[in-house]
Amino acid sequence: MKTGFAKSQAGAVAIEFALVFVIFFAVFYALVSYSLPFVLMQTFNEATSEAVRRSVAVDPNTPGYASVVVSTANAALTQQLQWVPSTLNLVVGVDTSAVYDATQGTLTVSVNYPTSKLNQVIPFLVLPGVGAVPSLPANLTATSSLKF
């Protein structure tokens, strides 16, 4: 039985481990780093749709109807987005908008969150052969609208 064969393969094991580790790390980091943007997008979609939903309840005969609809939508956005940690720097009124077009009777509520703010919390890595992780658009945007 040869005992020297395992020693001659020790370098090959280290090289294989290094290659497999890079792939494993890329997959693991992608899983972790993409989870927050996905949760944020789901939250933004839910917040905008809830803001539109709550604005439907405003009586059209209310004085200053357009401003009441917009303030109702903004209040709903504030309530729905209050769980977002302050470290993400999401500012309702700056990163969000609620616009009522009285001529068409359309309310449009949107969240436009710059990815640069997310980069302050999650470091974006550039992995060899993979590229930037996570690879995101410049803004995470969710919009809901309804014609009254």
Protein backbone atom coordinates (compact mmCIF):
# COMPACT_ATOMS: atom_id res chain seq x y z
CA MET A 1 0.00 0.00 0.00
CA LYS A 2 1.35 3.41 -0.97
CA THR A 3 1.25 6.08 1.70
CA GLY A 4 2.97 8.87 -0.25
CA PHE A 5 0.10 9.32 -2.73
CA ALA A 6 -2.03 11.37 -0.31
CA LYS A 7 0.81 13.80 0.35
CA SER A 8 1.26 14.49 -3.36
CA GLN A 9 -2.44 15.37 -3.67
CA ALA A 10 -2.50 17.86 -0.77
CA GLY A 11 -1.89 20.84 -3.07
CA ALA A 12 -4.70 19.79 -5.39
CA VAL A 13 -7.14 19.70 -2.49
CA ALA A 14 -6.19 23.25 -1.49
CA ILE A 15 -6.70 24.51 -5.04
CA GLU A 16 -10.08 22.76 -5.33
CA PHE A 17 -11.15 24.19 -1.98
CA ALA A 18 -10.17 27.70 -3.08
CA LEU A 19 -12.23 27.40 -6.27
CA VAL A 20 -15.25 25.91 -4.52
CA PHE A 21 -15.05 28.47 -1.71
CA VAL A 22 -15.27 31.40 -4.16
CA ILE A 23 -18.41 29.90 -5.72
CA PHE A 24 -19.93 29.07 -2.34
CA PHE A 25 -19.18 32.55 -0.99
CA ALA A 26 -20.68 34.22 -4.09
CA VAL A 27 -23.90 32.22 -3.76
CA PHE A 28 -24.14 32.80 -0.01
CA TYR A 29 -23.43 36.54 -0.28
CA ALA A 30 -25.95 36.89 -3.11
CA LEU A 31 -28.58 35.14 -1.00
CA VAL A 32 -27.95 37.45 1.94
CA SER A 33 -27.52 40.68 -0.03
CA TYR A 34 -30.54 40.22 -2.32
CA SER A 35 -32.92 39.43 0.54
CA LEU A 36 -33.09 43.04 1.81
CA PRO A 37 -33.89 44.61 -1.60
CA PHE A 38 -36.56 41.95 -2.19
CA VAL A 39 -38.14 42.64 1.20
CA LEU A 40 -38.00 46.38 0.55
CA MET A 41 -39.65 46.02 -2.86
CA GLN A 42 -42.42 43.90 -1.36
CA THR A 43 -42.90 46.52 1.35
CA PHE A 44 -42.97 49.37 -1.17
CA ASN A 45 -45.56 47.58 -3.32
CA GLU A 46 -47.72 46.85 -0.29
CA ALA A 47 -47.39 50.41 1.04
CA THR A 48 -48.37 52.06 -2.24
CA SER A 49 -51.34 49.77 -2.79
CA GLU A 50 -52.53 50.28 0.79
CA ALA A 51 -52.23 54.07 0.39
CA VAL A 52 -54.42 53.95 -2.71
CA ARG A 53 -56.85 51.59 -0.99
CA ARG A 54 -57.28 53.89 2.01
CA SER A 55 -57.75 56.95 -0.20
CA VAL A 56 -60.80 55.35 -1.80
CA ALA A 57 -62.59 55.70 1.54
CA VAL A 58 -62.48 59.52 1.37
CA ASP A 59 -65.92 61.00 0.64
CA PRO A 60 -65.87 62.85 -2.72
CA ASN A 61 -68.09 65.57 -1.21
CA THR A 62 -65.42 66.47 1.35
CA PRO A 63 -64.22 70.09 1.02
CA GLY A 64 -60.66 70.14 -0.37
CA TYR A 65 -61.12 66.60 -1.66
CA ALA A 66 -57.82 66.50 -3.60
CA SER A 67 -55.70 67.54 -0.62
CA VAL A 68 -57.55 65.15 1.71
CA VAL A 69 -56.93 62.26 -0.70
CA VAL A 70 -53.21 63.09 -0.90
CA SER A 71 -52.87 63.52 2.87
CA THR A 72 -54.70 60.21 3.43
CA ALA A 73 -52.30 58.49 1.03
CA ASN A 74 -49.27 60.06 2.72
CA ALA A 75 -50.54 59.03 6.16
CA ALA A 76 -50.99 55.46 4.93
CA LEU A 77 -47.47 55.48 3.45
CA THR A 78 -46.05 56.75 6.73
CA GLN A 79 -47.84 54.04 8.68
CA GLN A 80 -46.90 51.24 6.29
CA LEU A 81 -43.23 52.26 6.09
CA GLN A 82 -42.65 52.96 9.78
CA TRP A 83 -41.05 49.55 10.37
CA VAL A 84 -38.18 50.34 7.95
CA PRO A 85 -35.05 50.94 10.08
CA SER A 86 -33.69 54.48 10.18
CA THR A 87 -30.30 53.21 8.95
CA LEU A 88 -31.88 52.73 5.51
CA ASN A 89 -32.61 56.49 5.41
CA LEU A 90 -36.08 56.16 3.83
CA VAL A 91 -37.76 59.55 4.11
CA VAL A 92 -41.51 59.70 3.50
CA GLY A 93 -42.20 62.77 1.40
CA VAL A 94 -38.74 62.73 -0.18
CA ASP A 95 -38.51 59.12 -1.37
CA THR A 96 -42.29 58.86 -1.73
CA SER A 97 -44.94 60.82 -3.57
CA ALA A 98 -48.72 60.93 -3.74
CA VAL A 99 -50.21 62.92 -6.60
CA TYR A 100 -53.90 63.41 -7.33
CA ASP A 101 -54.74 64.56 -10.86
CA ALA A 102 -58.17 66.20 -10.52
CA THR A 103 -58.70 66.47 -14.29
CA GLN A 104 -58.45 62.72 -14.78
CA GLY A 105 -59.46 61.74 -11.26
CA THR A 106 -56.34 59.61 -10.82
CA LEU A 107 -54.32 59.10 -7.66
CA THR A 108 -50.76 57.90 -8.18
CA VAL A 109 -48.69 56.83 -5.17
CA SER A 110 -45.05 55.88 -5.60
CA VAL A 111 -41.92 55.03 -3.66
CA ASN A 112 -38.63 55.80 -5.40
CA TYR A 113 -35.77 54.58 -3.19
CA PRO A 114 -32.22 55.23 -4.47
CA THR A 115 -29.98 52.18 -4.37
CA SER A 116 -27.13 54.41 -3.18
CA LYS A 117 -28.90 54.61 0.20
CA LEU A 118 -29.00 50.82 0.33
CA ASN A 119 -25.28 50.72 -0.44
CA GLN A 120 -24.67 52.46 2.90
CA VAL A 121 -26.08 49.41 4.70
CA ILE A 122 -25.09 46.50 2.45
CA PRO A 123 -21.64 46.62 0.89
CA PHE A 124 -21.79 45.89 -2.83
CA LEU A 125 -18.99 43.48 -3.68
CA VAL A 126 -17.41 42.99 -7.08
CA LEU A 127 -16.63 39.29 -7.33
CA PRO A 128 -14.32 37.98 -10.07
CA GLY A 129 -16.29 36.26 -12.79
CA VAL A 130 -19.61 37.24 -11.18
CA GLY A 131 -19.58 41.05 -11.18
CA ALA A 132 -21.30 43.32 -8.69
CA VAL A 133 -23.32 41.59 -5.99
CA PRO A 134 -26.08 42.64 -5.59
CA SER A 135 -26.62 43.96 -9.10
CA LEU A 136 -29.52 46.39 -8.67
CA PRO A 137 -31.03 49.22 -10.72
CA ALA A 138 -30.29 52.84 -9.74
CA ASN A 139 -33.66 53.11 -7.94
CA LEU A 140 -36.04 50.63 -6.34
CA THR A 141 -39.44 51.89 -7.51
CA ALA A 142 -42.99 50.84 -6.71
CA THR A 143 -46.07 52.63 -8.04
CA SER A 144 -49.80 52.15 -7.56
CA SER A 145 -52.52 54.22 -9.16
CA LEU A 146 -56.29 54.29 -9.26
CA LYS A 147 -58.78 56.23 -11.32
CA PHE A 148 -61.64 57.43 -9.11
